[in-house]
Amino acid sequence: MSEIQAVFERRETKYILSRKQYDELIKALGKNIEPDIYFRNTNCSVYYDTPEFELVSQSLEKPIFKQKIRIRSYGVPKDDTSPVFLEIKKKYDGIGNKRRINMRLKDFYHFLQTDELNGDNPQIEREIKHVFHHYDLRPSIFIAYERYSYCGAENPNFRLTFDFDVRSRLDHLRLEDGDQGELYFKNGEIIMEAKSLGAFPMWFVKELSRLHIYPASFQKYGYIYQARFNEIKNKKKENK
């Protein structure tokens, strides 16, 4: 079994595609890309934030530095021994850095109760513990989507992901509660993200230009938070 990657650092650019643009782009890229090892997954995440949603509010102000914390699974966990990833994602001046710990779901709940993280990367564990303590984090929102992942046929460090059916819910904030939620896009738009350690390949850039596909500012957590802001405010009042 290959080692699970714990640290990611790369340039990331997002685009919002119509279904027609997606179909044309995939056809045009042809043999330049190929499905990666985790080609198709249902990505499920519970984001953690302060009671006042401080992390997402700061992120929406587009500071030079921002961070977020989430627990993620690929598919709905079948039981408490299912694998999950506790992730801290930071972005500084446009460069994304994701650090994560692979654990069982029950180990994550044990951490929330006892503050014990028994993994194999003490540095990442200290980072995550510090953020949880400093901000008094708690579950804030559940987000899921269907993801198709590709990499460059000749450059595996170039990756493309396509996220379909982005959806969220404000209750049942546990991964094991299912992947259902309210759709964010009403017309079936798709989020494409290009990720690379360096410049994007010219064959990719040329096809984007030909198909009139341009970068778009989009934060799943941030934009869904904005879209559901009134619901979130009302839930906070109910819980007081």
C-alpha atoms as a PDB file:
ATOM      1  CA  MET A   1       0.000   0.000   0.000  1.00  0.00           C
ATOM      2  CA  SER A   2       1.358   3.438  -0.906  1.00  0.00           C
ATOM      3  CA  GLU A   3       2.019   5.912   1.887  1.00  0.00           C
ATOM      4  CA  ILE A   4      -0.784   8.385   2.479  1.00  0.00           C
ATOM      5  CA  GLN A   5       0.372  11.928   1.806  1.00  0.00           C
ATOM      6  CA  ALA A   6       0.143  14.208   4.853  1.00  0.00           C
ATOM      7  CA  VAL A   7       1.424  17.562   3.545  1.00  0.00           C
ATOM      8  CA  PHE A   8       0.413  19.341   0.329  1.00  0.00           C
ATOM      9  CA  GLU A   9       1.760  22.665  -0.982  1.00  0.00           C
ATOM     10  CA  ARG A  10       0.842  24.032  -4.396  1.00  0.00           C
ATOM     11  CA  ARG A  11      -0.610  26.845  -6.446  1.00  0.00           C
ATOM     12  CA  GLU A  12      -4.392  26.523  -6.709  1.00  0.00           C
ATOM     13  CA  THR A  13      -6.776  28.261  -9.113  1.00  0.00           C
ATOM     14  CA  LYS A  14     -10.540  27.728  -9.255  1.00  0.00           C
ATOM     15  CA  TYR A  15     -12.966  28.033 -12.170  1.00  0.00           C
ATOM     16  CA  ILE A  16     -16.761  27.727 -12.396  1.00  0.00           C
ATOM     17  CA  LEU A  17     -17.859  25.696 -15.435  1.00  0.00           C
ATOM     18  CA  SER A  18     -21.185  25.021 -17.078  1.00  0.00           C
ATOM     19  CA  ARG A  19     -21.866  21.418 -18.008  1.00  0.00           C
ATOM     20  CA  LYS A  20     -21.224  22.290 -21.656  1.00  0.00           C
ATOM     21  CA  GLN A  21     -17.834  23.835 -20.842  1.00  0.00           C
ATOM     22  CA  TYR A  22     -16.911  20.789 -18.772  1.00  0.00           C
ATOM     23  CA  ASP A  23     -17.778  18.373 -21.584  1.00  0.00           C
ATOM     24  CA  GLU A  24     -15.847  20.416 -24.152  1.00  0.00           C
ATOM     25  CA  LEU A  25     -12.803  20.821 -21.900  1.00  0.00           C
ATOM     26  CA  ILE A  26     -12.537  17.140 -21.011  1.00  0.00           C
ATOM     27  CA  LYS A  27     -12.773  16.244 -24.692  1.00  0.00           C
ATOM     28  CA  ALA A  28     -10.168  18.865 -25.649  1.00  0.00           C
ATOM     29  CA  LEU A  29      -7.639  17.859 -22.987  1.00  0.00           C
ATOM     30  CA  GLY A  30      -7.791  14.287 -24.234  1.00  0.00           C
ATOM     31  CA  LYS A  31      -4.635  12.281 -23.562  1.00  0.00           C
ATOM     32  CA  ASN A  32      -2.909  15.145 -21.768  1.00  0.00           C
ATOM     33  CA  ILE A  33      -4.696  14.106 -18.579  1.00  0.00           C
ATOM     34  CA  GLU A  34      -5.572  10.777 -16.991  1.00  0.00           C
ATOM     35  CA  PRO A  35      -7.652   9.730 -13.981  1.00  0.00           C
ATOM     36  CA  ASP A  36      -5.580   9.747 -10.813  1.00  0.00           C
ATOM     37  CA  ILE A  37      -5.507   6.958  -8.247  1.00  0.00           C
ATOM     38  CA  TYR A  38      -8.527   8.425  -6.415  1.00  0.00           C
ATOM     39  CA  PHE A  39     -10.442   9.272  -9.576  1.00  0.00           C
ATOM     40  CA  ARG A  40     -13.989   9.406  -8.249  1.00  0.00           C
ATOM     41  CA  ASN A  41     -15.053  10.057  -4.668  1.00  0.00           C
ATOM     42  CA  THR A  42     -17.837  11.571  -2.628  1.00  0.00           C
ATOM     43  CA  ASN A  43     -15.991  14.120  -0.489  1.00  0.00           C
ATOM     44  CA  CYS A  44     -17.670  14.783   2.860  1.00  0.00           C
ATOM     45  CA  SER A  45     -16.431  17.426   5.288  1.00  0.00           C
ATOM     46  CA  VAL A  46     -17.498  18.925   8.582  1.00  0.00           C
ATOM     47  CA  TYR A  47     -15.915  22.332   9.088  1.00  0.00           C
ATOM     48  CA  TYR A  48     -15.021  23.582  12.557  1.00  0.00           C
ATOM     49  CA  ASP A  49     -15.263  27.223  13.536  1.00  0.00           C
ATOM     50  CA  THR A  50     -15.863  29.480  16.519  1.00  0.00           C
ATOM     51  CA  PRO A  51     -19.433  30.101  17.785  1.00  0.00           C
ATOM     52  CA  GLU A  52     -19.297  33.431  15.923  1.00  0.00           C
ATOM     53  CA  PHE A  53     -17.893  31.880  12.705  1.00  0.00           C
ATOM     54  CA  GLU A  54     -14.680  33.832  13.083  1.00  0.00           C
ATOM     55  CA  LEU A  55     -12.513  31.737  10.741  1.00  0.00           C
ATOM     56  CA  VAL A  56     -14.878  31.876   7.777  1.00  0.00           C
ATOM     57  CA  SER A  57     -15.595  35.571   8.341  1.00  0.00           C
ATOM     58  CA  GLN A  58     -11.879  36.359   8.278  1.00  0.00           C
ATOM     59  CA  SER A  59     -11.406  34.245   5.156  1.00  0.00           C
ATOM     60  CA  LEU A  60     -14.117  36.142   3.276  1.00  0.00           C
ATOM     61  CA  GLU A  61     -12.224  39.382   3.864  1.00  0.00           C
ATOM     62  CA  LYS A  62      -9.505  37.929   1.573  1.00  0.00           C
ATOM     63  CA  PRO A  63      -6.549  38.452   3.910  1.00  0.00           C
ATOM     64  CA  ILE A  64      -3.040  37.516   2.837  1.00  0.00           C
ATOM     65  CA  PHE A  65      -3.218  34.613   5.325  1.00  0.00           C
ATOM     66  CA  LYS A  66      -6.221  32.428   6.153  1.00  0.00           C
ATOM     67  CA  GLN A  67      -6.856  28.994   7.581  1.00  0.00           C
ATOM     68  CA  LYS A  68      -9.615  26.470   8.146  1.00  0.00           C
ATOM     69  CA  ILE A  69     -10.075  23.195   9.983  1.00  0.00           C
ATOM     70  CA  ARG A  70     -12.188  20.260   8.846  1.00  0.00           C
ATOM     71  CA  ILE A  71     -12.694  16.562   9.333  1.00  0.00           C
ATOM     72  CA  ARG A  72     -13.055  14.793   5.986  1.00  0.00           C
ATOM     73  CA  SER A  73     -14.024  11.365   4.710  1.00  0.00           C
ATOM     74  CA  TYR A  74     -14.195   9.871   1.252  1.00  0.00           C
ATOM     75  CA  GLY A  75     -17.696   8.483   1.225  1.00  0.00           C
ATOM     76  CA  VAL A  76     -19.926   8.205   4.285  1.00  0.00           C
ATOM     77  CA  PRO A  77     -18.130   6.345   7.110  1.00  0.00           C
ATOM     78  CA  LYS A  78     -19.585   2.866   7.567  1.00  0.00           C
ATOM     79  CA  ASP A  79     -18.679   2.640  11.268  1.00  0.00           C
ATOM     80  CA  ASP A  80     -16.412   4.228  13.860  1.00  0.00           C
ATOM     81  CA  THR A  81     -13.348   2.409  12.513  1.00  0.00           C
ATOM     82  CA  SER A  82     -13.678   4.042   9.070  1.00  0.00           C
ATOM     83  CA  PRO A  83     -10.722   6.210   7.982  1.00  0.00           C
ATOM     84  CA  VAL A  84     -11.053  10.004   8.185  1.00  0.00           C
ATOM     85  CA  PHE A  85      -8.676  12.926   7.766  1.00  0.00           C
ATOM     86  CA  LEU A  86      -8.331  15.769  10.236  1.00  0.00           C
ATOM     87  CA  GLU A  87      -7.051  18.649   8.112  1.00  0.00           C
ATOM     88  CA  ILE A  88      -5.724  22.130   8.646  1.00  0.00           C
ATOM     89  CA  LYS A  89      -5.647  24.124   5.436  1.00  0.00           C
ATOM     90  CA  LYS A  90      -3.747  27.392   5.191  1.00  0.00           C
ATOM     91  CA  LYS A  91      -3.253  29.817   2.348  1.00  0.00           C
ATOM     92  CA  TYR A  92      -0.614  32.540   2.273  1.00  0.00           C
ATOM     93  CA  ASP A  93      -0.330  34.930  -0.660  1.00  0.00           C
ATOM     94  CA  GLY A  94      -2.098  32.523  -3.011  1.00  0.00           C
ATOM     95  CA  ILE A  95      -0.105  29.414  -2.078  1.00  0.00           C
ATOM     96  CA  GLY A  96      -2.132  26.666  -0.431  1.00  0.00           C
ATOM     97  CA  ASN A  97      -0.719  24.381   2.244  1.00  0.00           C
ATOM     98  CA  LYS A  98      -2.752  21.459   3.556  1.00  0.00           C
ATOM     99  CA  ARG A  99      -1.617  19.315   6.460  1.00  0.00           C
ATOM    100  CA  ARG A 100      -3.594  16.362   7.682  1.00  0.00           C
ATOM    101  CA  ILE A 101      -3.704  13.393  10.018  1.00  0.00           C
ATOM    102  CA  ASN A 102      -5.123  10.048   8.963  1.00  0.00           C
ATOM    103  CA  MET A 103      -7.137   8.395  11.743  1.00  0.00           C
ATOM    104  CA  ARG A 104     -10.224   6.353  12.512  1.00  0.00           C
ATOM    105  CA  LEU A 105     -13.493   8.159  13.129  1.00  0.00           C
ATOM    106  CA  LYS A 106     -13.563   6.997  16.756  1.00  0.00           C
ATOM    107  CA  ASP A 107     -10.040   8.407  17.260  1.00  0.00           C
ATOM    108  CA  PHE A 108     -11.294  11.812  16.152  1.00  0.00           C
ATOM    109  CA  TYR A 109     -14.140  11.733  18.664  1.00  0.00           C
ATOM    110  CA  HIS A 110     -11.645  10.599  21.295  1.00  0.00           C
ATOM    111  CA  PHE A 111      -9.543  13.679  20.483  1.00  0.00           C
ATOM    112  CA  LEU A 112     -12.545  15.983  20.934  1.00  0.00           C
ATOM    113  CA  GLN A 113     -13.227  14.469  24.364  1.00  0.00           C
ATOM    114  CA  THR A 114      -9.682  14.080  25.689  1.00  0.00           C
ATOM    115  CA  ASP A 115      -7.402  16.340  23.585  1.00  0.00           C
ATOM    116  CA  GLU A 116      -5.290  13.276  22.731  1.00  0.00           C
ATOM    117  CA  LEU A 117      -3.960  12.850  19.190  1.00  0.00           C
ATOM    118  CA  ASN A 118      -1.946   9.675  18.812  1.00  0.00           C
ATOM    119  CA  GLY A 119      -0.644   9.847  15.276  1.00  0.00           C
ATOM    120  CA  ASP A 120       2.743   9.698  13.611  1.00  0.00           C
ATOM    121  CA  ASN A 121       3.256  13.404  12.930  1.00  0.00           C
ATOM    122  CA  PRO A 122       3.668  15.367  16.191  1.00  0.00           C
ATOM    123  CA  GLN A 123       4.188  18.692  14.389  1.00  0.00           C
ATOM    124  CA  ILE A 124       0.819  18.565  12.582  1.00  0.00           C
ATOM    125  CA  GLU A 125      -0.836  17.347  15.780  1.00  0.00           C
ATOM    126  CA  ARG A 126       0.522  20.346  17.690  1.00  0.00           C
ATOM    127  CA  GLU A 127      -0.698  22.733  14.986  1.00  0.00           C
ATOM    128  CA  ILE A 128      -4.206  21.305  15.047  1.00  0.00           C
ATOM    129  CA  LYS A 129      -4.385  21.233  18.840  1.00  0.00           C
ATOM    130  CA  HIS A 130      -3.268  24.849  18.996  1.00  0.00           C
ATOM    131  CA  VAL A 131      -6.001  26.028  16.608  1.00  0.00           C
ATOM    132  CA  PHE A 132      -8.701  24.049  18.445  1.00  0.00           C
ATOM    133  CA  HIS A 133      -7.601  25.538  21.787  1.00  0.00           C
ATOM    134  CA  HIS A 134      -7.060  29.075  20.563  1.00  0.00           C
ATOM    135  CA  TYR A 135     -10.440  29.376  18.847  1.00  0.00           C
ATOM    136  CA  ASP A 136     -12.654  27.033  20.918  1.00  0.00           C
ATOM    137  CA  LEU A 137     -13.777  25.291  17.737  1.00  0.00           C
ATOM    138  CA  ARG A 138     -17.007  23.386  17.230  1.00  0.00           C
ATOM    139  CA  PRO A 139     -18.783  21.886  14.188  1.00  0.00           C
ATOM    140  CA  SER A 140     -20.271  24.623  11.997  1.00  0.00           C
ATOM    141  CA  ILE A 141     -21.408  23.197   8.648  1.00  0.00           C
ATOM    142  CA  PHE A 142     -21.384  19.987   6.600  1.00  0.00           C
ATOM    143  CA  ILE A 143     -20.370  20.144   2.921  1.00  0.00           C
ATOM    144  CA  ALA A 144     -20.280  17.328   0.359  1.00  0.00           C
ATOM    145  CA  TYR A 145     -19.749  16.969  -3.386  1.00  0.00           C
ATOM    146  CA  GLU A 146     -18.880  14.407  -6.030  1.00  0.00           C
ATOM    147  CA  ARG A 147     -15.271  14.800  -7.161  1.00  0.00           C
ATOM    148  CA  TYR A 148     -13.527  13.590 -10.325  1.00  0.00           C
ATOM    149  CA  SER A 149      -9.725  13.859 -10.117  1.00  0.00           C
ATOM    150  CA  TYR A 150      -7.169  13.910 -12.921  1.00  0.00           C
ATOM    151  CA  CYS A 151      -3.437  14.419 -13.179  1.00  0.00           C
ATOM    152  CA  GLY A 152      -1.167  15.332 -16.065  1.00  0.00           C
ATOM    153  CA  ALA A 153      -0.268  12.281 -18.148  1.00  0.00           C
ATOM    154  CA  GLU A 154       3.360  13.403 -18.243  1.00  0.00           C
ATOM    155  CA  ASN A 155       3.349  15.587 -15.136  1.00  0.00           C
ATOM    156  CA  PRO A 156       1.670  14.003 -12.093  1.00  0.00           C
ATOM    157  CA  ASN A 157       2.284  17.205 -10.097  1.00  0.00           C
ATOM    158  CA  PHE A 158      -0.355  18.928 -12.240  1.00  0.00           C
ATOM    159  CA  ARG A 159      -3.828  18.012 -10.999  1.00  0.00           C
ATOM    160  CA  LEU A 160      -7.360  18.885 -12.049  1.00  0.00           C
ATOM    161  CA  THR A 161     -10.403  18.262  -9.882  1.00  0.00           C
ATOM    162  CA  PHE A 162     -14.050  18.695 -10.840  1.00  0.00           C
ATOM    163  CA  ASP A 163     -16.661  19.010  -8.090  1.00  0.00           C
ATOM    164  CA  PHE A 164     -20.313  18.260  -8.886  1.00  0.00           C
ATOM    165  CA  ASP A 165     -23.474  18.642  -6.789  1.00  0.00           C
ATOM    166  CA  VAL A 166     -21.982  20.830  -4.065  1.00  0.00           C
ATOM    167  CA  ARG A 167     -24.361  20.607  -1.118  1.00  0.00           C
ATOM    168  CA  SER A 168     -24.513  21.479   2.559  1.00  0.00           C
ATOM    169  CA  ARG A 169     -26.499  21.117   5.745  1.00  0.00           C
ATOM    170  CA  LEU A 170     -26.541  22.997   9.035  1.00  0.00           C
ATOM    171  CA  ASP A 171     -27.665  20.151  11.272  1.00  0.00           C
ATOM    172  CA  HIS A 172     -26.605  16.523  11.756  1.00  0.00           C
ATOM    173  CA  LEU A 173     -23.000  17.713  11.716  1.00  0.00           C
ATOM    174  CA  ARG A 174     -21.370  14.305  11.758  1.00  0.00           C
ATOM    175  CA  LEU A 175     -19.815  12.511   8.814  1.00  0.00           C
ATOM    176  CA  GLU A 176     -21.684   9.305   9.583  1.00  0.00           C
ATOM    177  CA  ASP A 177     -25.058  11.078   9.236  1.00  0.00           C
ATOM    178  CA  GLY A 178     -25.000  10.747   5.432  1.00  0.00           C
ATOM    179  CA  ASP A 179     -24.021  12.913   2.459  1.00  0.00           C
ATOM    180  CA  GLN A 180     -27.370  14.632   1.833  1.00  0.00           C
ATOM    181  CA  GLY A 181     -27.704  18.414   1.787  1.00  0.00           C
ATOM    182  CA  GLU A 182     -29.095  21.483   0.059  1.00  0.00           C
ATOM    183  CA  LEU A 183     -27.586  22.112  -3.384  1.00  0.00           C
ATOM    184  CA  TYR A 184     -25.587  25.342  -3.730  1.00  0.00           C
ATOM    185  CA  PHE A 185     -25.703  25.690  -7.528  1.00  0.00           C
ATOM    186  CA  LYS A 186     -29.172  25.774  -9.046  1.00  0.00           C
ATOM    187  CA  ASN A 187     -28.050  25.198 -12.655  1.00  0.00           C
ATOM    188  CA  GLY A 188     -25.625  22.338 -12.157  1.00  0.00           C
ATOM    189  CA  GLU A 189     -22.411  24.358 -12.317  1.00  0.00           C
ATOM    190  CA  ILE A 190     -19.143  22.517 -11.690  1.00  0.00           C
ATOM    191  CA  ILE A 191     -16.136  23.734  -9.712  1.00  0.00           C
ATOM    192  CA  MET A 192     -12.834  23.036 -11.416  1.00  0.00           C
ATOM    193  CA  GLU A 193      -9.604  23.482  -9.525  1.00  0.00           C
ATOM    194  CA  ALA A 194      -6.194  23.384 -11.157  1.00  0.00           C
ATOM    195  CA  LYS A 195      -3.295  22.579  -8.835  1.00  0.00           C
ATOM    196  CA  SER A 196       0.381  22.681  -9.624  1.00  0.00           C
ATOM    197  CA  LEU A 197       3.778  23.083  -7.988  1.00  0.00           C
ATOM    198  CA  GLY A 198       4.725  25.509 -10.770  1.00  0.00           C
ATOM    199  CA  ALA A 199       3.227  27.104 -13.869  1.00  0.00           C
ATOM    200  CA  PHE A 200       0.258  25.431 -15.534  1.00  0.00           C
ATOM    201  CA  PRO A 201       1.030  23.514 -18.764  1.00  0.00           C
ATOM    202  CA  MET A 202       0.604  25.525 -21.966  1.00  0.00           C
ATOM    203  CA  TRP A 203      -1.783  22.949 -23.482  1.00  0.00           C
ATOM    204  CA  PHE A 204      -4.088  23.543 -20.534  1.00  0.00           C
ATOM    205  CA  VAL A 205      -3.829  27.342 -20.679  1.00  0.00           C
ATOM    206  CA  LYS A 206      -4.547  27.373 -24.429  1.00  0.00           C
ATOM    207  CA  GLU A 207      -7.727  25.320 -24.042  1.00  0.00           C
ATOM    208  CA  LEU A 208      -8.972  27.561 -21.244  1.00  0.00           C
ATOM    209  CA  SER A 209      -8.503  30.571 -23.488  1.00  0.00           C
ATOM    210  CA  ARG A 210     -10.189  28.908 -26.458  1.00  0.00           C
ATOM    211  CA  LEU A 211     -13.224  27.902 -24.398  1.00  0.00           C
ATOM    212  CA  HIS A 212     -13.429  31.256 -22.574  1.00  0.00           C
ATOM    213  CA  ILE A 213     -12.910  29.695 -19.147  1.00  0.00           C
ATOM    214  CA  TYR A 214     -11.571  32.197 -16.630  1.00  0.00           C
ATOM    215  CA  PRO A 215     -10.485  32.032 -12.980  1.00  0.00           C
ATOM    216  CA  ALA A 216     -13.222  32.598 -10.424  1.00  0.00           C
ATOM    217  CA  SER A 217     -12.982  33.438  -6.755  1.00  0.00           C
ATOM    218  CA  PHE A 218     -14.798  30.682  -4.893  1.00  0.00           C
ATOM    219  CA  GLN A 219     -14.546  29.312  -1.369  1.00  0.00           C
ATOM    220  CA  LYS A 220     -16.890  26.408  -0.667  1.00  0.00           C
ATOM    221  CA  TYR A 221     -17.139  27.079   3.039  1.00  0.00           C
ATOM    222  CA  GLY A 222     -17.179  30.854   2.685  1.00  0.00           C
ATOM    223  CA  TYR A 223     -19.693  31.129  -0.136  1.00  0.00           C
ATOM    224  CA  ILE A 224     -22.056  28.542   1.312  1.00  0.00           C
ATOM    225  CA  TYR A 225     -21.839  30.342   4.651  1.00  0.00           C
ATOM    226  CA  GLN A 226     -22.844  33.581   2.904  1.00  0.00           C
ATOM    227  CA  ALA A 227     -25.681  31.894   1.014  1.00  0.00           C
ATOM    228  CA  ARG A 228     -27.119  30.398   4.205  1.00  0.00           C
ATOM    229  CA  PHE A 229     -26.252  33.274   6.549  1.00  0.00           C
ATOM    230  CA  ASN A 230     -29.814  33.982   7.679  1.00  0.00           C
ATOM    231  CA  GLU A 231     -30.428  30.315   8.463  1.00  0.00           C
ATOM    232  CA  ILE A 232     -27.196  30.205  10.448  1.00  0.00           C
ATOM    233  CA  LYS A 233     -28.169  33.316  12.433  1.00  0.00           C
ATOM    234  CA  ASN A 234     -31.559  31.836  13.258  1.00  0.00           C
ATOM    235  CA  LYS A 235     -30.013  28.571  14.412  1.00  0.00           C
ATOM    236  CA  LYS A 236     -27.667  30.464  16.704  1.00  0.00           C
ATOM    237  CA  LYS A 237     -30.629  32.258  18.281  1.00  0.00           C
ATOM    238  CA  GLU A 238     -32.456  28.943  18.786  1.00  0.00           C
ATOM    239  CA  ASN A 239     -29.449  27.434  20.516  1.00  0.00           C
ATOM    240  CA  LYS A 240     -29.042  30.286  23.010  1.00  0.00           C
END
